[in-house]
Structures are given as structure tokens and as C-alpha cells.
Amino acid sequence: MKMLHLISTGFAACFLFASVSIAASNVTVPIWQDIDGRARVTITVEDGRNFDFVIDTGMMNTVVMPELVEALSLARQSEDNTRPAISAIKVIIGGEIPFLIKSPTVLSNMKISEETVYGILGSEFLQMYTIGLDLGAGIMVLSDSSAEDIFDDSEFAKVPMYSPFANLWMTEKIQIGQEYVTGFLDTGANKTFINPVAIKKLDPDLVSTSPTQKGTARTGSSNAVAETYGAVIRQMRVGARLWRDQDVLVTEGIFSQLRLAKIPAMVLGADVLLSRRIILDYQNRFVYFELD
């Protein structure tokens, strides 16, 4: 696998190129899995300190948490304003890639993990590249070439994806029995969700529900808490990729925000998307799932 090392003359020099895109090659940066099953990457700020960001395909833009604002001593514009009094934050992602977080929004009043999270790396950054995520090997590969150049030692199910609104991506190729379900791609959600509309249409032999096992949850891209109950899908396919006995949470509120409340739909979380290697080819609008 080709690797392009952008940093060779010291950290300060990298910030001179904060707005320059990657040359034609692959860049590999380390990632790891947190206690919630999400993928994280290290970002480095101008003074050399490192902070953990969640990699979230379901978040439109890169956002920062109050912990980062406090750590960097960034003043808020006002008490009730979610933006720090700074127009941009210069960072290096994974020790390799310069990135400018423009007009950063502070995501307040949202606890997404028991572990400290300093920010969320959203789709406006990710979709600049073809992204390969391999939690098993602990790497994220970013490329400006074709998806076939990222992981060439495995077979993948290739399915189309689309973006119904800015920076959020879905696929219509989730098959459960004879039914097709639309899936929102959200690595920021640690669990996979399904809406009641889909549950009602599915063959009872392919899904078992536990309405008495109630709880609450929020996706990685939503600040709203939704009531849920558990279910197990016996078989689920995306292209040639097969999942068996997949645990899901049944809820309704999350799907209203995604405009998916009236059709059979799922939020594919990190437990599904990152269970094996995955490639997101934003330019050509395909998502690749590694086969068993």
C-alpha cells in the first residue's frame, strides 16, 4: 500500500500548507476503536497538543466539543452562542493531513461517550477523499484516486450511495428478505437503528423484537434523545455482504430528522459499518463492504 508522508520538515511548516490538498497518492493515518465501538483519530493543534476526534460519516460538518474550547482557551462570542470567538482552527489530522476547521461550531449539551471527546470529524472533510476504514488494522486510508487502490487484498460488495442533502449519505440497497430498506451511513452512531415502518413490513421469521426492553439512545449526528426497544434481524444483505443476527434498536424520532420516518429505513451505525473494512468513494458515489 502506498503511503505519502506530508510531514518532513517539522510541525510548524505543515501549517504553511493548511489549505493545500493531498497529492495523487494514498495517505494512511492511525485510528482506533473507543469503548463505544466508534473510530477515533488524533488531531494536532498549532501548539503541538493532540486531541481525539470521532470519525463521523453522519455529521455534516466538523464540530468541536466544549472540552476543546476550554483546552485551547478559546473565548465564546457570547454566553448563548455556540461558536468560539475564532474564525478557524488549524489542525493536522492523524499526523499527516493539514486541515482548516472553518467557523467551528461548539456542540454543547451532548455527551456522546463516557470517554472524553474533543471533536467530531465530519463529512465535509471526509468526502474530499475516497476513505478506507480498517479498525482491525487501526488505519484510515485517504486517497484521491480510485477505491480499488485502497485495499487490494480483499473482495468487496460495491453498492451505490447518494446524498439527499448536504454531506449526508445513504444507500437504498439494504435487503432484508424480500424488502429493501434505505440506510443512512453513520459511523458516529455506535448502534444500528431501524424505524417502526420497516419492522412492520419485514417477514416475522427474519426479525424478533423485544418491546419490553426499552431504553433511550441518540445517534452520533443527533442531539435528540429517542425512546427505543431492541430487535434482532436474522439476515441482512447489502449487495453481497451478509450480516446474521444483527442487534438493532427500534425507534422513530431519529428518522424524522433524517426525513425517513415514512419509509422503511435504518441508520447503519459503527457496529455494522466498521465490523469489517469499508470504503466510501464519495466522488463516484459508491460504498464498498468487505466480504466475509
Protein backbone atom coordinates (compact mmCIF):
# COMPACT_ATOMS: atom_id res chain seq x y z
CA MET A 1 0.00 0.00 0.00
CA LYS A 2 1.41 3.39 -0.93
CA MET A 3 1.85 5.96 1.81
CA LEU A 4 2.53 9.65 1.31
CA HIS A 5 4.23 11.34 4.25
CA LEU A 6 3.34 15.01 4.17
CA ILE A 7 5.26 15.95 7.31
CA SER A 8 9.01 16.01 6.87
CA THR A 9 10.19 19.43 7.98
CA GLY A 10 8.52 19.82 11.35
CA PHE A 11 5.07 20.65 12.66
CA ALA A 12 5.16 24.40 12.13
CA ALA A 13 5.98 24.01 8.45
CA CYS A 14 2.90 21.88 7.91
CA PHE A 15 0.61 24.78 8.75
CA LEU A 16 2.00 26.75 5.86
CA PHE A 17 0.14 24.27 3.65
CA ALA A 18 -3.10 24.05 5.62
CA SER A 19 -5.27 24.69 2.59
CA VAL A 20 -3.36 22.50 0.10
CA SER A 21 -4.91 19.19 -0.95
CA ILE A 22 -3.12 15.85 -0.99
CA ALA A 23 -1.03 14.92 -4.00
CA ALA A 24 -2.15 11.96 -6.11
CA SER A 25 -1.49 9.07 -3.73
CA ASN A 26 -2.74 7.33 -0.61
CA VAL A 27 -2.21 8.68 2.88
CA THR A 28 -2.54 6.29 5.81
CA VAL A 29 -3.23 7.59 9.31
CA PRO A 30 -3.70 5.64 12.55
CA ILE A 31 -7.17 5.24 14.05
CA TRP A 32 -8.50 3.20 16.95
CA GLN A 33 -11.78 1.93 18.39
CA ASP A 34 -13.16 3.58 21.52
CA ILE A 35 -15.26 1.91 24.21
CA ASP A 36 -18.43 2.70 22.23
CA GLY A 37 -17.19 0.99 19.05
CA ARG A 38 -16.61 4.22 17.13
CA ALA A 39 -13.45 5.06 15.21
CA ARG A 40 -11.23 7.86 16.53
CA VAL A 41 -8.35 9.80 15.06
CA THR A 42 -5.81 12.15 16.61
CA ILE A 43 -5.79 15.79 15.57
CA THR A 44 -2.89 18.08 16.47
CA VAL A 45 -3.29 21.82 17.00
CA GLU A 46 -0.73 24.55 16.36
CA ASP A 47 0.97 24.33 19.74
CA GLY A 48 1.62 20.60 19.25
CA ARG A 49 -1.02 19.19 21.59
CA ASN A 50 -3.04 16.15 20.49
CA PHE A 51 -6.80 15.64 20.85
CA ASP A 52 -9.14 12.75 19.98
CA PHE A 53 -11.87 13.25 17.37
CA VAL A 54 -14.62 10.77 16.43
CA ILE A 55 -14.80 9.91 12.70
CA ASP A 56 -18.44 10.53 11.84
CA THR A 57 -19.87 10.00 8.35
CA GLY A 58 -23.24 11.06 9.73
CA MET A 59 -22.19 14.56 10.78
CA MET A 60 -22.45 17.23 8.08
CA ASN A 61 -19.57 19.35 9.32
CA THR A 62 -16.61 19.01 11.63
CA VAL A 63 -17.53 20.31 15.08
CA VAL A 64 -15.69 20.79 18.36
CA MET A 65 -16.74 19.95 21.88
CA PRO A 66 -16.63 22.36 24.86
CA GLU A 67 -13.64 20.40 26.20
CA LEU A 68 -11.54 21.53 23.23
CA VAL A 69 -12.67 25.15 23.57
CA GLU A 70 -11.60 25.07 27.21
CA ALA A 71 -8.31 23.30 26.48
CA LEU A 72 -7.41 25.89 23.83
CA SER A 73 -8.71 28.78 25.98
CA LEU A 74 -10.97 29.96 23.17
CA ALA A 75 -13.44 32.63 24.26
CA ARG A 76 -17.10 32.27 23.25
CA GLN A 77 -18.63 35.09 21.23
CA SER A 78 -21.44 35.26 23.79
CA GLU A 79 -22.87 33.16 26.59
CA ASP A 80 -25.65 31.74 24.40
CA ASN A 81 -23.59 31.46 21.19
CA THR A 82 -22.30 28.06 20.11
CA ARG A 83 -19.33 29.46 18.20
CA PRO A 84 -15.94 30.29 19.71
CA ALA A 85 -14.55 33.77 19.01
CA ILE A 86 -12.24 32.49 16.28
CA SER A 87 -12.81 32.15 12.56
CA ALA A 88 -10.88 28.91 12.11
CA ILE A 89 -8.76 26.30 13.88
CA LYS A 90 -5.70 24.90 12.10
CA VAL A 91 -5.08 21.22 12.75
CA ILE A 92 -3.14 18.23 11.47
CA ILE A 93 -5.21 15.05 11.17
CA GLY A 94 -3.53 11.79 12.07
CA GLY A 95 -0.12 13.42 12.00
CA GLU A 96 -0.37 13.70 8.21
CA ILE A 97 -3.09 15.92 6.74
CA PRO A 98 -3.40 19.70 7.25
CA PHE A 99 -7.00 20.82 7.68
CA LEU A 100 -8.69 24.11 8.48
CA ILE A 101 -11.82 23.83 10.66
CA LYS A 102 -13.69 26.88 9.38
CA SER A 103 -16.18 28.75 11.57
CA PRO A 104 -16.12 25.95 14.13
CA THR A 105 -19.37 25.14 15.91
CA VAL A 106 -19.27 24.00 19.53
CA LEU A 107 -21.52 21.01 20.15
CA SER A 108 -22.73 21.78 23.66
CA ASN A 109 -25.03 19.76 25.93
CA MET A 110 -24.30 16.50 24.12
CA LYS A 111 -22.45 13.67 25.83
CA ILE A 112 -21.70 11.06 23.18
CA SER A 113 -19.31 8.86 25.17
CA GLU A 114 -18.09 8.06 28.67
CA GLU A 115 -14.63 8.76 27.29
CA THR A 116 -13.64 12.37 26.60
CA VAL A 117 -14.34 13.51 23.03
CA TYR A 118 -12.81 16.78 21.84
CA GLY A 119 -14.46 16.95 18.44
CA ILE A 120 -16.16 15.17 15.56
CA LEU A 121 -14.55 14.85 12.14
CA GLY A 122 -17.49 15.22 9.77
CA SER A 123 -18.34 14.56 6.16
CA GLU A 124 -17.28 17.93 4.80
CA PHE A 125 -13.70 16.74 5.39
CA LEU A 126 -14.17 13.03 4.66
CA GLN A 127 -15.87 13.49 1.29
CA MET A 128 -12.86 15.36 -0.10
CA TYR A 129 -11.27 11.93 -0.47
CA THR A 130 -12.01 8.27 -1.03
CA ILE A 131 -11.92 6.89 2.51
CA GLY A 132 -10.95 3.40 3.64
CA LEU A 133 -11.58 2.45 7.28
CA ASP A 134 -9.98 -0.65 8.78
CA LEU A 135 -10.49 -0.78 12.55
CA GLY A 136 -8.87 -4.21 12.76
CA ALA A 137 -5.58 -2.85 11.43
CA GLY A 138 -6.12 0.54 13.08
CA ILE A 139 -5.82 2.60 9.90
CA MET A 140 -7.74 5.12 7.82
CA VAL A 141 -6.63 5.46 4.21
CA LEU A 142 -7.38 8.70 2.35
CA SER A 143 -6.98 8.73 -1.41
CA ASP A 144 -7.74 10.97 -4.35
CA SER A 145 -7.64 8.01 -6.72
CA SER A 146 -10.00 5.05 -7.17
CA ALA A 147 -11.37 2.85 -4.41
CA GLU A 148 -9.63 -0.18 -5.90
CA ASP A 149 -6.26 1.34 -4.92
CA ILE A 150 -7.03 1.36 -1.19
CA PHE A 151 -7.48 -2.27 -0.11
CA ASP A 152 -6.46 -4.62 -2.91
CA ASP A 153 -6.22 -7.86 -0.92
CA SER A 154 -9.92 -8.48 -0.26
CA GLU A 155 -13.21 -8.74 -2.11
CA PHE A 156 -15.86 -6.10 -1.53
CA ALA A 157 -19.57 -5.68 -2.17
CA LYS A 158 -19.94 -2.47 -4.19
CA VAL A 159 -23.25 -0.64 -3.81
CA PRO A 160 -24.37 2.85 -4.86
CA MET A 161 -24.89 5.61 -2.33
CA TYR A 162 -26.44 9.05 -2.70
CA SER A 163 -26.64 12.35 -0.84
CA PRO A 164 -30.21 13.66 -0.44
CA PHE A 165 -28.95 16.75 1.39
CA ALA A 166 -25.60 18.35 2.14
CA ASN A 167 -22.82 15.99 3.22
CA LEU A 168 -25.08 13.15 4.40
CA TRP A 169 -25.04 9.81 2.58
CA MET A 170 -27.46 6.91 2.19
CA THR A 171 -27.92 3.68 0.27
CA GLU A 172 -31.14 2.04 -0.87
CA LYS A 173 -29.58 -1.42 -1.19
CA ILE A 174 -30.21 -2.93 2.25
CA GLN A 175 -32.15 -6.15 1.71
CA ILE A 176 -33.97 -7.99 4.49
CA GLY A 177 -35.83 -10.93 3.00
CA GLN A 178 -37.84 -9.53 0.07
CA GLU A 179 -37.86 -5.97 1.40
CA TYR A 180 -35.41 -3.18 0.57
CA VAL A 181 -34.66 -0.63 3.24
CA THR A 182 -32.94 2.76 2.92
CA GLY A 183 -29.86 3.06 5.11
CA PHE A 184 -28.23 6.22 6.46
CA LEU A 185 -24.43 5.76 6.77
CA ASP A 186 -23.46 6.95 10.24
CA THR A 187 -20.17 5.82 11.81
CA GLY A 188 -20.86 8.31 14.62
CA ALA A 189 -23.75 6.15 15.87
CA ASN A 190 -22.41 3.31 18.00
CA LYS A 191 -25.56 1.24 17.37
CA THR A 192 -27.71 0.47 14.33
CA PHE A 193 -31.31 1.72 14.34
CA ILE A 194 -34.42 0.73 12.38
CA ASN A 195 -37.76 2.52 12.22
CA PRO A 196 -41.18 1.01 13.03
CA VAL A 197 -42.27 1.32 9.38
CA ALA A 198 -39.55 -1.14 8.39
CA ILE A 199 -40.29 -3.51 11.29
CA LYS A 200 -43.95 -3.76 10.24
CA LYS A 201 -43.03 -4.66 6.64
CA LEU A 202 -40.45 -7.33 7.44
CA ASP A 203 -41.12 -11.06 7.43
CA PRO A 204 -41.68 -12.03 11.11
CA ASP A 205 -39.36 -15.01 10.58
CA LEU A 206 -36.48 -12.61 9.86
CA VAL A 207 -36.83 -10.28 12.83
CA SER A 208 -37.55 -10.74 16.52
CA THR A 209 -38.41 -7.79 18.71
CA SER A 210 -38.27 -7.17 22.46
CA PRO A 211 -40.68 -4.28 23.08
CA THR A 212 -40.28 -4.75 26.84
CA GLN A 213 -36.54 -3.98 26.61
CA LYS A 214 -36.98 -0.24 26.44
CA GLY A 215 -34.36 2.47 26.63
CA THR A 216 -33.16 5.72 25.12
CA ALA A 217 -30.44 6.48 22.60
CA ARG A 218 -29.05 9.16 20.33
CA THR A 219 -27.21 8.77 17.06
CA GLY A 220 -23.81 10.32 16.55
CA SER A 221 -25.30 13.03 14.36
CA SER A 222 -28.26 13.94 16.53
CA ASN A 223 -28.59 15.86 19.77
CA ALA A 224 -32.09 14.47 20.37
CA VAL A 225 -32.76 11.50 22.64
CA ALA A 226 -35.22 8.92 21.31
CA GLU A 227 -37.11 6.08 23.00
CA THR A 228 -36.04 2.67 21.74
CA TYR A 229 -36.61 -1.05 22.11
CA GLY A 230 -34.46 -3.94 20.97
CA ALA A 231 -34.72 -6.25 17.96
CA VAL A 232 -32.60 -8.84 16.15
CA ILE A 233 -32.51 -9.13 12.35
CA ARG A 234 -31.75 -12.72 11.36
CA GLN A 235 -30.31 -11.93 7.93
CA MET A 236 -29.48 -8.60 6.31
CA ARG A 237 -27.71 -8.04 3.00
CA VAL A 238 -26.06 -5.03 1.40
CA GLY A 239 -25.10 -6.23 -2.04
CA ALA A 240 -23.22 -9.50 -1.47
CA ARG A 241 -22.30 -8.61 2.13
CA LEU A 242 -24.30 -10.60 4.69
CA TRP A 243 -24.91 -9.91 8.38
CA ARG A 244 -26.54 -12.54 10.61
CA ASP A 245 -28.34 -11.99 13.91
CA GLN A 246 -27.70 -8.26 13.89
CA ASP A 247 -28.83 -6.42 17.01
CA VAL A 248 -30.69 -3.19 16.25
CA LEU A 249 -32.66 -0.57 18.16
CA VAL A 250 -36.19 0.29 17.03
CA THR A 251 -37.09 3.97 17.24
CA GLU A 252 -39.00 6.66 15.39
CA GLY A 253 -37.75 10.12 16.37
CA ILE A 254 -34.30 9.90 14.80
CA PHE A 255 -35.79 9.15 11.39
CA SER A 256 -38.00 12.23 11.38
CA GLN A 257 -34.89 14.40 11.48
CA LEU A 258 -33.49 12.47 8.50
CA ARG A 259 -36.80 12.74 6.58
CA LEU A 260 -37.05 8.95 6.61
CA ALA A 261 -39.96 8.50 9.01
CA LYS A 262 -42.50 7.40 6.38
CA ILE A 263 -40.42 4.79 4.52
CA PRO A 264 -38.65 1.62 5.71
CA ALA A 265 -35.27 2.89 6.88
CA MET A 266 -32.24 2.18 9.03
CA VAL A 267 -29.33 4.10 10.50
CA LEU A 268 -26.29 1.92 9.89
CA GLY A 269 -24.02 2.59 12.86
CA ALA A 270 -20.43 1.73 13.70
CA ASP A 271 -21.42 -1.77 14.84
CA VAL A 272 -22.36 -2.59 11.22
CA LEU A 273 -20.27 -0.22 9.12
CA LEU A 274 -16.99 -0.86 10.95
CA SER A 275 -17.44 -4.58 11.64
CA ARG A 276 -15.18 -5.20 8.63
CA ARG A 277 -13.28 -2.92 6.28
CA ILE A 278 -15.30 -0.33 4.42
CA ILE A 279 -14.54 2.11 1.59
CA LEU A 280 -16.51 5.29 0.89
CA ASP A 281 -15.97 6.58 -2.65
CA TYR A 282 -17.74 9.93 -2.43
CA GLN A 283 -16.75 11.16 -5.89
CA ASN A 284 -18.15 8.13 -7.72
CA ARG A 285 -20.94 7.61 -5.15
CA PHE A 286 -20.22 4.02 -4.10
CA VAL A 287 -19.74 2.35 -0.74
CA TYR A 288 -17.75 -0.88 -0.53
CA PHE A 289 -18.33 -3.51 2.20
CA GLU A 290 -15.64 -6.14 2.74
CA LEU A 291 -16.98 -9.67 2.23
CA ASP A 292 -16.55 -12.44 4.81
